């Protein structure tokens, strides 16, 4: 069997170690599609609507796991709000400074939320959905509205809806808070119970 030809290298030549080329770094644009990456500070816009309601637009959306982080106190483990959650609440509070307060201390309210998620979930049946629960922002929005003084007690919010949307690289929450009558609340309850026959 013929021998393989040896490389023409001097016996006293220095040994040079080589490695495969490094993978290219992820660009800022690709990082933006990662659901945990935030490239911009959290900002919120609140507008007063006809009829006494308000709209809220925040350039962020948090999963339930992103809102709290476990903290150990000796043998006890508690939950503490993350920096992202605190920034969300403070952004809403800052935006609410120009909003008249007081009406949120009366009556009952409806809260409708649309959330945009930066990544997508691909299901086995070929369906594609946003990679975020539609109800994930509900508690965050309610607490932020109460923290900002828009509503005195988020238990007043008794009706609502949630919609999730996928848009690559986009994190956003839009919410509309409106006062409703007790009759409208009763009609919502009847609509759900009506399907039971």
N, C-alpha and C. Protein backbone atom coordinates (compact mmCIF):
# COMPACT_ATOMS: atom_id res chain seq x y z
N UNK A 1 0.85 -1.19 0.00
CA UNK A 1 0.00 0.00 0.00
C UNK A 1 0.89 1.25 0.00
N UNK A 2 0.74 2.18 -0.95
CA UNK A 2 1.65 3.34 -1.05
C UNK A 2 1.50 4.26 0.15
N UNK A 3 2.65 4.78 0.59
CA UNK A 3 2.61 5.72 1.70
C UNK A 3 2.11 7.09 1.25
N UNK A 4 1.45 7.77 2.21
CA UNK A 4 1.01 9.13 1.90
C UNK A 4 2.20 10.07 1.90
N UNK A 5 2.20 10.98 0.97
CA UNK A 5 3.30 11.94 0.88
C UNK A 5 3.31 12.84 2.09
N UNK A 6 4.50 13.06 2.66
CA UNK A 6 4.60 13.94 3.81
C UNK A 6 4.72 15.39 3.36
N UNK A 7 4.19 16.28 4.16
CA UNK A 7 4.29 17.70 3.84
C UNK A 7 5.73 18.14 3.93
N UNK A 8 6.10 19.04 3.07
CA UNK A 8 7.47 19.53 3.04
C UNK A 8 7.66 20.60 4.10
N UNK A 9 7.86 20.17 5.37
CA UNK A 9 7.98 21.09 6.50
C UNK A 9 9.30 20.82 7.19
N UNK A 10 10.02 21.87 7.53
CA UNK A 10 11.29 21.72 8.23
C UNK A 10 11.06 21.09 9.60
N UNK A 11 11.96 20.21 10.03
CA UNK A 11 11.76 19.52 11.31
C UNK A 11 11.73 20.45 12.51
N UNK A 12 12.35 21.62 12.40
CA UNK A 12 12.35 22.55 13.55
C UNK A 12 11.33 23.66 13.41
N UNK A 13 10.39 23.51 12.46
CA UNK A 13 9.36 24.55 12.27
C UNK A 13 8.42 24.60 13.45
N UNK A 14 7.96 25.81 13.79
CA UNK A 14 7.04 25.97 14.92
C UNK A 14 5.70 25.33 14.61
N UNK A 15 5.09 24.74 15.65
CA UNK A 15 3.78 24.11 15.50
C UNK A 15 2.70 25.18 15.53
N UNK A 16 1.87 25.18 14.53
CA UNK A 16 0.79 26.17 14.44
C UNK A 16 -0.54 25.46 14.57
N UNK A 17 -1.33 25.83 15.58
CA UNK A 17 -2.64 25.24 15.80
C UNK A 17 -3.70 26.10 15.10
N UNK A 18 -4.57 25.46 14.39
CA UNK A 18 -5.64 26.18 13.71
C UNK A 18 -6.99 25.70 14.22
N UNK A 19 -8.01 26.54 14.10
CA UNK A 19 -9.37 26.19 14.52
C UNK A 19 -10.33 26.59 13.41
N UNK A 20 -11.49 25.95 13.38
CA UNK A 20 -12.45 26.32 12.34
C UNK A 20 -12.89 27.76 12.50
N UNK A 21 -13.24 28.42 11.42
CA UNK A 21 -13.65 29.83 11.50
C UNK A 21 -14.84 30.02 12.44
N UNK A 22 -14.79 31.10 13.19
CA UNK A 22 -15.87 31.36 14.16
C UNK A 22 -17.16 31.69 13.42
N UNK A 23 -18.28 31.32 14.08
CA UNK A 23 -19.57 31.62 13.49
C UNK A 23 -19.80 33.13 13.52
N UNK A 24 -20.43 33.67 12.52
CA UNK A 24 -20.68 35.12 12.52
C UNK A 24 -21.59 35.51 13.67
N UNK A 25 -21.30 36.67 14.26
CA UNK A 25 -22.12 37.15 15.37
C UNK A 25 -23.51 37.51 14.90
N UNK A 26 -24.48 37.29 15.80
CA UNK A 26 -25.84 37.66 15.47
C UNK A 26 -25.96 39.17 15.35
N UNK A 27 -26.65 39.61 14.37
CA UNK A 27 -26.82 41.04 14.17
C UNK A 27 -27.85 41.59 15.14
N UNK A 28 -27.87 42.91 15.25
CA UNK A 28 -28.84 43.56 16.13
C UNK A 28 -30.26 43.21 15.70
N UNK A 29 -30.47 43.13 14.39
CA UNK A 29 -31.81 42.83 13.88
C UNK A 29 -32.26 41.44 14.29
N UNK A 30 -31.32 40.46 14.21
CA UNK A 30 -31.70 39.10 14.59
C UNK A 30 -31.91 38.99 16.08
N UNK A 31 -31.13 39.75 16.87
CA UNK A 31 -31.32 39.72 18.31
C UNK A 31 -32.69 40.28 18.69
N UNK A 32 -33.16 41.24 17.92
CA UNK A 32 -34.43 41.88 18.24
C UNK A 32 -35.58 40.89 18.17
N UNK A 33 -35.42 39.83 17.39
CA UNK A 33 -36.49 38.85 17.29
C UNK A 33 -36.53 37.91 18.47
N UNK A 34 -35.47 37.93 19.29
CA UNK A 34 -35.44 37.11 20.48
C UNK A 34 -36.40 37.70 21.51
N UNK A 35 -37.26 36.89 22.06
CA UNK A 35 -38.31 37.42 22.92
C UNK A 35 -37.78 38.01 24.21
N UNK A 36 -36.55 37.72 24.60
CA UNK A 36 -36.03 38.23 25.86
C UNK A 36 -35.16 39.47 25.70
N UNK A 37 -34.93 39.88 24.47
CA UNK A 37 -34.05 41.02 24.22
C UNK A 37 -34.86 42.29 24.08
N UNK A 38 -34.45 43.34 24.80
CA UNK A 38 -35.10 44.65 24.71
C UNK A 38 -34.05 45.67 24.33
N UNK A 39 -34.21 46.26 23.16
CA UNK A 39 -33.23 47.21 22.66
C UNK A 39 -33.57 48.65 23.00
N UNK A 40 -34.82 48.91 23.38
CA UNK A 40 -35.26 50.27 23.66
C UNK A 40 -35.82 50.37 25.07
N UNK A 41 -35.75 51.55 25.70
CA UNK A 41 -36.38 51.74 27.01
C UNK A 41 -37.89 51.63 26.89
N UNK A 42 -38.52 51.18 27.96
CA UNK A 42 -39.98 51.01 27.95
C UNK A 42 -40.67 52.37 27.98
N UNK A 43 -41.59 52.57 27.04
CA UNK A 43 -42.35 53.82 26.98
C UNK A 43 -43.83 53.49 26.82
N UNK A 44 -44.67 54.39 27.32
CA UNK A 44 -46.11 54.19 27.25
C UNK A 44 -46.79 55.49 26.82
N UNK A 45 -47.92 55.33 26.16
CA UNK A 45 -48.75 56.48 25.75
C UNK A 45 -50.18 56.19 26.19
N UNK A 46 -50.79 57.14 26.88
CA UNK A 46 -52.17 57.01 27.33
C UNK A 46 -53.00 58.14 26.73
N UNK A 47 -54.15 57.78 26.18
CA UNK A 47 -55.07 58.76 25.62
C UNK A 47 -56.43 58.62 26.28
N UNK A 48 -57.07 59.75 26.53
CA UNK A 48 -58.41 59.75 27.10
C UNK A 48 -59.42 59.60 25.97
N UNK A 49 -60.35 58.69 26.13
CA UNK A 49 -61.35 58.40 25.10
C UNK A 49 -62.70 59.02 25.46
N UNK A 50 -63.53 59.19 24.45
CA UNK A 50 -64.89 59.67 24.70
C UNK A 50 -65.61 58.65 25.57
N UNK A 51 -66.40 59.14 26.51
CA UNK A 51 -67.13 58.25 27.39
C UNK A 51 -66.40 57.92 28.67
N UNK A 52 -65.19 58.49 28.83
CA UNK A 52 -64.48 58.30 30.10
C UNK A 52 -63.46 57.18 30.11
N UNK A 53 -63.27 56.50 28.99
CA UNK A 53 -62.28 55.42 28.94
C UNK A 53 -60.90 55.94 28.60
N UNK A 54 -59.93 55.05 28.61
CA UNK A 54 -58.57 55.40 28.23
C UNK A 54 -57.99 54.28 27.37
N UNK A 55 -57.04 54.66 26.50
CA UNK A 55 -56.28 53.67 25.75
C UNK A 55 -54.84 53.72 26.23
N UNK A 56 -54.20 52.56 26.23
CA UNK A 56 -52.81 52.43 26.69
C UNK A 56 -52.01 51.72 25.61
N UNK A 57 -50.86 52.28 25.26
CA UNK A 57 -49.98 51.69 24.24
C UNK A 57 -48.57 51.64 24.82
N UNK A 58 -48.06 50.41 25.03
CA UNK A 58 -46.73 50.22 25.62
C UNK A 58 -45.86 49.45 24.63
N UNK A 59 -44.62 49.87 24.48
CA UNK A 59 -43.72 49.21 23.52
C UNK A 59 -43.04 47.98 24.13
N UNK A 60 -43.80 47.22 24.90
CA UNK A 60 -43.27 45.99 25.48
C UNK A 60 -44.42 45.06 25.82
N UNK A 61 -44.10 43.78 25.97
CA UNK A 61 -45.05 42.79 26.46
C UNK A 61 -44.25 41.75 27.22
N UNK A 62 -44.76 41.31 28.33
CA UNK A 62 -44.03 40.39 29.19
C UNK A 62 -44.76 39.05 29.31
N UNK A 63 -43.99 37.97 29.28
CA UNK A 63 -44.57 36.67 29.62
C UNK A 63 -44.74 36.63 31.14
N UNK A 64 -45.47 35.66 31.61
CA UNK A 64 -45.67 35.52 33.05
C UNK A 64 -44.35 35.26 33.77
N UNK A 65 -43.47 34.49 33.13
CA UNK A 65 -42.18 34.19 33.73
C UNK A 65 -41.23 35.38 33.72
N UNK A 66 -41.43 36.30 32.79
CA UNK A 66 -40.57 37.49 32.72
C UNK A 66 -40.96 38.53 33.75
N UNK A 67 -42.12 38.40 34.33
CA UNK A 67 -42.57 39.41 35.28
C UNK A 67 -41.97 39.24 36.67
N UNK A 68 -41.80 38.02 37.12
CA UNK A 68 -41.28 37.76 38.46
C UNK A 68 -40.03 36.91 38.40
N UNK A 69 -39.17 37.09 39.41
CA UNK A 69 -37.98 36.26 39.55
C UNK A 69 -37.92 35.76 40.99
N UNK A 70 -37.54 34.51 41.22
CA UNK A 70 -37.48 33.99 42.58
C UNK A 70 -36.31 34.58 43.36
N UNK A 71 -36.54 34.89 44.63
CA UNK A 71 -35.51 35.43 45.51
C UNK A 71 -35.51 34.61 46.79
N UNK A 72 -34.34 34.16 47.21
CA UNK A 72 -34.24 33.33 48.41
C UNK A 72 -33.97 34.19 49.64
N UNK A 73 -34.77 33.99 50.68
CA UNK A 73 -34.56 34.61 51.98
C UNK A 73 -34.38 33.48 52.99
N UNK A 74 -33.12 33.09 53.20
CA UNK A 74 -32.86 31.95 54.07
C UNK A 74 -33.42 30.69 53.44
N UNK A 75 -34.36 30.05 54.13
CA UNK A 75 -34.99 28.84 53.60
C UNK A 75 -36.24 29.15 52.80
N UNK A 76 -36.63 30.41 52.80
CA UNK A 76 -37.86 30.79 52.13
C UNK A 76 -37.56 31.40 50.77
N UNK A 77 -38.38 31.06 49.78
CA UNK A 77 -38.24 31.63 48.44
C UNK A 77 -39.46 32.48 48.13
N UNK A 78 -39.22 33.72 47.79
CA UNK A 78 -40.30 34.65 47.45
C UNK A 78 -40.16 35.08 46.00
N UNK A 79 -41.17 35.77 45.51
CA UNK A 79 -41.17 36.28 44.14
C UNK A 79 -40.99 37.79 44.16
N UNK A 80 -40.09 38.28 43.33
CA UNK A 80 -39.86 39.72 43.22
C UNK A 80 -40.04 40.15 41.77
N UNK A 81 -40.60 41.33 41.58
CA UNK A 81 -40.79 41.84 40.22
C UNK A 81 -39.44 42.08 39.55
N UNK A 82 -39.36 41.74 38.29
CA UNK A 82 -38.14 41.95 37.53
C UNK A 82 -37.99 43.42 37.16
N UNK A 83 -36.80 43.77 36.69
CA UNK A 83 -36.57 45.15 36.24
C UNK A 83 -37.47 45.50 35.07
N UNK A 84 -37.75 44.52 34.19
CA UNK A 84 -38.63 44.76 33.04
C UNK A 84 -40.04 45.09 33.50
N UNK A 85 -40.53 44.39 34.52
CA UNK A 85 -41.87 44.64 35.04
C UNK A 85 -41.95 46.00 35.73
N UNK A 86 -40.93 46.34 36.48
CA UNK A 86 -40.92 47.65 37.15
C UNK A 86 -40.86 48.78 36.13
N UNK A 87 -40.08 48.58 35.08
CA UNK A 87 -39.99 49.60 34.03
C UNK A 87 -41.33 49.78 33.33
N UNK A 88 -42.05 48.68 33.14
CA UNK A 88 -43.37 48.72 32.51
C UNK A 88 -44.33 49.56 33.36
N UNK A 89 -44.38 49.29 34.65
CA UNK A 89 -45.29 50.01 35.54
C UNK A 89 -44.93 51.49 35.63
N UNK A 90 -43.64 51.79 35.71
CA UNK A 90 -43.23 53.19 35.82
C UNK A 90 -43.50 53.95 34.53
N UNK A 91 -43.38 53.28 33.39
CA UNK A 91 -43.67 53.94 32.11
C UNK A 91 -45.15 54.31 32.03
N UNK A 92 -46.02 53.41 32.49
CA UNK A 92 -47.46 53.68 32.49
C UNK A 92 -47.78 54.81 33.48
N UNK A 93 -47.15 54.79 34.64
CA UNK A 93 -47.38 55.85 35.64
C UNK A 93 -46.96 57.21 35.11
N UNK A 94 -45.83 57.25 34.41
CA UNK A 94 -45.34 58.51 33.85
C UNK A 94 -46.30 59.03 32.77
N UNK A 95 -46.82 58.12 31.95
CA UNK A 95 -47.74 58.52 30.89
C UNK A 95 -49.08 58.98 31.42
N UNK A 96 -49.42 58.56 32.64
CA UNK A 96 -50.73 58.87 33.22
C UNK A 96 -50.78 60.22 33.93
N UNK A 97 -49.68 60.93 33.95
CA UNK A 97 -49.63 62.19 34.70
C UNK A 97 -50.63 63.22 34.19
N UNK A 98 -50.92 63.18 32.88
CA UNK A 98 -51.83 64.18 32.30
C UNK A 98 -53.28 63.71 32.29
N UNK A 99 -53.54 62.49 32.79
CA UNK A 99 -54.88 61.91 32.74
C UNK A 99 -55.66 62.29 33.99
N UNK A 100 -56.87 62.82 33.86
CA UNK A 100 -57.68 63.13 35.04
C UNK A 100 -57.97 61.88 35.85
N UNK A 101 -57.77 61.96 37.16
CA UNK A 101 -58.00 60.82 38.03
C UNK A 101 -59.33 60.98 38.76
N UNK A 102 -59.85 59.91 39.24
CA UNK A 102 -61.07 59.96 40.03
C UNK A 102 -62.18 59.11 39.48
N UNK A 103 -62.34 59.10 38.14
CA UNK A 103 -63.42 58.31 37.57
C UNK A 103 -63.19 56.82 37.78
N UNK A 104 -61.92 56.42 37.84
CA UNK A 104 -61.60 55.01 38.05
C UNK A 104 -61.92 54.52 39.44
N UNK A 105 -62.43 55.37 40.28
CA UNK A 105 -62.83 54.98 41.63
C UNK A 105 -64.34 54.74 41.70
N UNK A 106 -64.98 54.68 40.54
CA UNK A 106 -66.43 54.46 40.50
C UNK A 106 -66.77 53.40 39.46
N UNK A 107 -67.81 52.63 39.74
CA UNK A 107 -68.38 51.73 38.75
C UNK A 107 -67.53 50.51 38.41
N UNK A 108 -67.90 49.86 37.31
CA UNK A 108 -67.20 48.67 36.83
C UNK A 108 -66.69 48.94 35.41
N UNK A 109 -65.68 48.14 34.99
CA UNK A 109 -64.95 48.46 33.78
C UNK A 109 -64.71 47.22 32.91
N UNK A 110 -64.46 47.51 31.63
CA UNK A 110 -64.09 46.47 30.67
C UNK A 110 -62.68 46.76 30.15
N UNK A 111 -61.86 45.71 30.04
CA UNK A 111 -60.49 45.86 29.57
C UNK A 111 -60.24 44.91 28.39
N UNK A 112 -59.91 45.48 27.23
CA UNK A 112 -59.59 44.69 26.04
C UNK A 112 -58.11 44.90 25.70
N UNK A 113 -57.41 43.80 25.43
CA UNK A 113 -55.96 43.85 25.24
C UNK A 113 -55.55 43.13 23.96
N UNK A 114 -54.66 43.77 23.20
CA UNK A 114 -54.00 43.12 22.06
C UNK A 114 -52.51 43.12 22.37
N UNK A 115 -51.87 41.96 22.26
CA UNK A 115 -50.44 41.86 22.53
C UNK A 115 -49.70 41.37 21.29
N UNK A 116 -48.58 42.01 21.00
CA UNK A 116 -47.72 41.62 19.88
C UNK A 116 -46.51 40.89 20.44
N UNK A 117 -46.18 39.74 19.81
CA UNK A 117 -45.05 38.92 20.27
C UNK A 117 -44.02 38.79 19.16
N UNK A 118 -42.72 38.80 19.50
CA UNK A 118 -41.67 38.85 18.47
C UNK A 118 -41.29 37.50 17.86
N UNK A 119 -41.79 36.41 18.43
CA UNK A 119 -41.48 35.09 17.87
C UNK A 119 -42.77 34.32 17.62
N UNK A 120 -42.64 33.23 16.87
CA UNK A 120 -43.81 32.50 16.41
C UNK A 120 -43.75 31.05 16.88
N UNK A 121 -44.92 30.46 17.15
CA UNK A 121 -45.03 29.04 17.51
C UNK A 121 -45.58 28.28 16.31
N UNK A 122 -44.87 27.21 15.91
CA UNK A 122 -45.29 26.38 14.78
C UNK A 122 -45.87 25.08 15.33
N UNK A 123 -47.14 24.84 15.07
CA UNK A 123 -47.82 23.67 15.61
C UNK A 123 -47.78 22.50 14.63
N UNK A 124 -47.96 21.30 15.17
CA UNK A 124 -47.83 20.08 14.37
C UNK A 124 -48.84 20.02 13.22
N UNK A 125 -50.00 20.67 13.39
CA UNK A 125 -51.02 20.61 12.35
C UNK A 125 -50.83 21.67 11.26
N UNK A 126 -49.71 22.41 11.36
CA UNK A 126 -49.43 23.44 10.36
C UNK A 126 -49.91 24.83 10.74
N UNK A 127 -50.56 24.95 11.88
CA UNK A 127 -51.01 26.26 12.35
C UNK A 127 -49.84 27.05 12.93
N UNK A 128 -49.84 28.35 12.71
CA UNK A 128 -48.81 29.22 13.26
C UNK A 128 -49.48 30.28 14.15
N UNK A 129 -48.95 30.44 15.34
CA UNK A 129 -49.51 31.42 16.28
C UNK A 129 -48.37 32.23 16.89
N UNK A 130 -48.74 33.30 17.56
CA UNK A 130 -47.76 34.07 18.32
C UNK A 130 -47.22 33.19 19.43
N UNK A 131 -45.94 33.33 19.72
CA UNK A 131 -45.31 32.52 20.77
C UNK A 131 -45.44 33.24 22.13
N UNK A 132 -46.67 33.52 22.47
CA UNK A 132 -46.97 34.18 23.74
C UNK A 132 -48.44 34.01 24.06
N UNK A 133 -48.75 33.73 25.32
CA UNK A 133 -50.15 33.53 25.71
C UNK A 133 -50.93 34.82 25.58
N UNK A 134 -52.13 34.72 25.05
CA UNK A 134 -52.97 35.91 24.88
C UNK A 134 -53.29 36.57 26.22
N UNK A 135 -53.38 35.74 27.28
CA UNK A 135 -53.74 36.30 28.59
C UNK A 135 -52.52 36.72 29.42
N UNK A 136 -51.31 36.53 28.89
CA UNK A 136 -50.10 36.86 29.65
C UNK A 136 -50.04 38.32 30.11
N UNK A 137 -50.45 39.30 29.28
CA UNK A 137 -50.33 40.70 29.71
C UNK A 137 -51.43 41.17 30.66
N UNK A 138 -52.46 40.38 30.89
CA UNK A 138 -53.63 40.87 31.61
C UNK A 138 -53.27 41.39 33.00
N UNK A 139 -52.64 40.56 33.82
CA UNK A 139 -52.31 40.98 35.19
C UNK A 139 -51.34 42.15 35.19
N UNK A 140 -50.39 42.14 34.25
CA UNK A 140 -49.41 43.23 34.17
C UNK A 140 -50.10 44.56 33.86
N UNK A 141 -51.01 44.55 32.89
CA UNK A 141 -51.73 45.77 32.52
C UNK A 141 -52.62 46.25 33.66
N UNK A 142 -53.34 45.34 34.28
CA UNK A 142 -54.21 45.71 35.40
C UNK A 142 -53.41 46.36 36.53
N UNK A 143 -52.31 45.73 36.92
CA UNK A 143 -51.49 46.27 38.00
C UNK A 143 -50.87 47.60 37.62
N UNK A 144 -50.47 47.74 36.36
CA UNK A 144 -49.88 49.00 35.91
C UNK A 144 -50.90 50.13 35.94
N UNK A 145 -52.13 49.85 35.52
CA UNK A 145 -53.19 50.86 35.55
C UNK A 145 -53.51 51.29 36.98
N UNK A 146 -53.51 50.32 37.89
CA UNK A 146 -53.76 50.65 39.29
C UNK A 146 -52.58 51.41 39.88
N UNK A 147 -51.36 50.99 39.55
CA UNK A 147 -50.15 51.67 40.03
C UNK A 147 -50.12 53.12 39.56
N UNK A 148 -50.65 53.36 38.36
CA UNK A 148 -50.65 54.71 37.79
C UNK A 148 -51.80 55.56 38.30
N UNK A 149 -52.74 54.95 39.02
CA UNK A 149 -53.87 55.71 39.53
C UNK A 149 -55.02 55.87 38.55
N UNK A 150 -54.95 55.17 37.41
CA UNK A 150 -56.03 55.25 36.44
C UNK A 150 -57.29 54.60 37.00
N UNK A 151 -57.09 53.53 37.77
CA UNK A 151 -58.20 52.85 38.42
C UNK A 151 -57.77 52.55 39.85
N UNK A 152 -58.67 52.69 40.80
CA UNK A 152 -58.26 52.56 42.20
C UNK A 152 -58.15 51.11 42.64
N UNK A 153 -58.86 50.20 41.97
CA UNK A 153 -58.84 48.80 42.34
C UNK A 153 -59.11 47.98 41.08
N UNK A 154 -58.14 47.15 40.68
CA UNK A 154 -58.33 46.42 39.41
C UNK A 154 -59.41 45.34 39.50
N UNK A 155 -59.97 45.12 40.69
CA UNK A 155 -61.11 44.21 40.81
C UNK A 155 -62.36 44.81 40.19
N UNK A 156 -62.32 46.10 39.90
CA UNK A 156 -63.44 46.74 39.20
C UNK A 156 -63.52 46.30 37.73
N UNK A 157 -62.43 45.74 37.21
CA UNK A 157 -62.40 45.26 35.82
C UNK A 157 -63.03 43.87 35.80
N UNK A 158 -64.26 43.79 35.30
CA UNK A 158 -65.03 42.54 35.41
C UNK A 158 -65.29 41.86 34.07
N UNK A 159 -64.95 42.54 32.98
CA UNK A 159 -65.16 41.99 31.63
C UNK A 159 -63.93 42.32 30.79
N UNK A 160 -63.63 41.46 29.84
CA UNK A 160 -62.50 41.78 28.98
C UNK A 160 -62.29 40.77 27.87
N UNK A 161 -61.29 41.06 27.03
CA UNK A 161 -60.92 40.14 25.97
C UNK A 161 -59.42 40.27 25.73
N UNK A 162 -58.80 39.20 25.20
CA UNK A 162 -57.37 39.20 24.92
C UNK A 162 -57.12 38.64 23.52
N UNK A 163 -56.24 39.29 22.78
CA UNK A 163 -55.86 38.85 21.44
C UNK A 163 -54.34 38.87 21.35
N UNK A 164 -53.73 37.81 20.82
CA UNK A 164 -52.28 37.78 20.62
C UNK A 164 -51.97 37.81 19.13
N UNK A 165 -50.90 38.52 18.77
CA UNK A 165 -50.51 38.71 17.38
C UNK A 165 -49.00 38.48 17.27
N UNK A 166 -48.58 37.82 16.18
CA UNK A 166 -47.14 37.68 15.90
C UNK A 166 -46.69 38.72 14.89
N UNK A 167 -45.59 39.40 15.23
CA UNK A 167 -44.91 40.28 14.27
C UNK A 167 -43.43 40.25 14.63
N UNK A 168 -42.62 39.78 13.72
CA UNK A 168 -41.21 39.54 13.99
C UNK A 168 -40.52 40.76 14.59
N UNK A 169 -39.88 40.52 15.74
CA UNK A 169 -39.11 41.56 16.39
C UNK A 169 -39.91 42.59 17.15
N UNK A 170 -41.23 42.46 17.21
CA UNK A 170 -42.08 43.48 17.83
C UNK A 170 -42.61 42.99 19.17
N UNK A 171 -42.47 43.84 20.17
CA UNK A 171 -43.06 43.61 21.49
C UNK A 171 -43.95 44.82 21.78
N UNK A 172 -45.22 44.59 21.98
CA UNK A 172 -46.14 45.73 22.16
C UNK A 172 -47.40 45.27 22.87
N UNK A 173 -47.98 46.16 23.67
CA UNK A 173 -49.27 45.92 24.31
C UNK A 173 -50.16 47.12 24.09
N UNK A 174 -51.35 46.89 23.58
CA UNK A 174 -52.36 47.94 23.44
C UNK A 174 -53.58 47.51 24.24
N UNK A 175 -54.04 48.39 25.11
CA UNK A 175 -55.20 48.08 25.95
C UNK A 175 -56.19 49.23 25.92
N UNK A 176 -57.46 48.88 26.01
CA UNK A 176 -58.52 49.89 26.07
C UNK A 176 -59.37 49.59 27.31
N UNK A 177 -59.48 50.58 28.18
CA UNK A 177 -60.25 50.46 29.42
C UNK A 177 -61.47 51.36 29.31
N UNK A 178 -62.66 50.75 29.45
CA UNK A 178 -63.91 51.50 29.30
C UNK A 178 -64.85 51.20 30.48
N UNK A 179 -65.59 52.22 30.92
CA UNK A 179 -66.61 51.96 31.93
C UNK A 179 -67.80 51.25 31.29
N UNK A 180 -68.42 50.33 32.00
CA UNK A 180 -69.60 49.65 31.49
C UNK A 180 -70.71 49.69 32.54
N UNK A 181 -71.91 49.42 32.09
CA UNK A 181 -73.06 49.40 33.00
C UNK A 181 -73.23 48.00 33.58
N UNK A 182 -73.98 47.93 34.65
CA UNK A 182 -74.27 46.62 35.24
C UNK A 182 -75.09 45.77 34.27
N UNK A 183 -75.90 46.44 33.44
CA UNK A 183 -76.69 45.71 32.44
C UNK A 183 -75.78 45.07 31.39
N UNK A 184 -74.73 45.79 30.97
CA UNK A 184 -73.79 45.24 29.99
C UNK A 184 -73.02 44.08 30.59
N UNK A 185 -72.69 44.19 31.86
CA UNK A 185 -72.00 43.09 32.55
C UNK A 185 -72.90 41.86 32.61
N UNK A 186 -74.16 42.05 32.95
CA UNK A 186 -75.10 40.93 33.03
C UNK A 186 -75.28 40.29 31.65
N UNK A 187 -75.28 41.10 30.60
CA UNK A 187 -75.43 40.57 29.25
C UNK A 187 -74.23 39.72 28.85
N UNK A 188 -73.04 40.11 29.29
CA UNK A 188 -71.83 39.33 29.02
C UNK A 188 -71.90 37.98 29.70
N UNK A 189 -72.37 37.97 30.93
CA UNK A 189 -72.51 36.72 31.66
C UNK A 189 -73.55 35.81 30.98
N UNK A 190 -74.67 36.40 30.58
CA UNK A 190 -75.74 35.63 29.94
C UNK A 190 -75.27 35.05 28.60
N UNK A 191 -74.42 35.80 27.88
CA UNK A 191 -73.93 35.33 26.58
C UNK A 191 -73.09 34.07 26.73
N UNK A 192 -72.29 34.01 27.80
CA UNK A 192 -71.45 32.83 28.04
C UNK A 192 -72.31 31.67 28.52
N UNK A 193 -73.19 31.93 29.47
CA UNK A 193 -74.00 30.86 30.02
C UNK A 193 -75.02 30.34 29.00
N UNK A 194 -75.36 31.21 28.02
CA UNK A 194 -76.36 30.82 27.04
C UNK A 194 -75.96 29.64 26.19
N UNK A 195 -74.63 29.42 26.00
CA UNK A 195 -74.20 28.30 25.15
C UNK A 195 -74.39 26.97 25.87
N UNK A 196 -74.64 27.01 27.17
CA UNK A 196 -74.84 25.77 27.92
C UNK A 196 -76.26 25.23 27.74
N UNK A 197 -77.14 26.07 27.24
CA UNK A 197 -78.52 25.63 27.00
C UNK A 197 -79.38 25.76 28.23
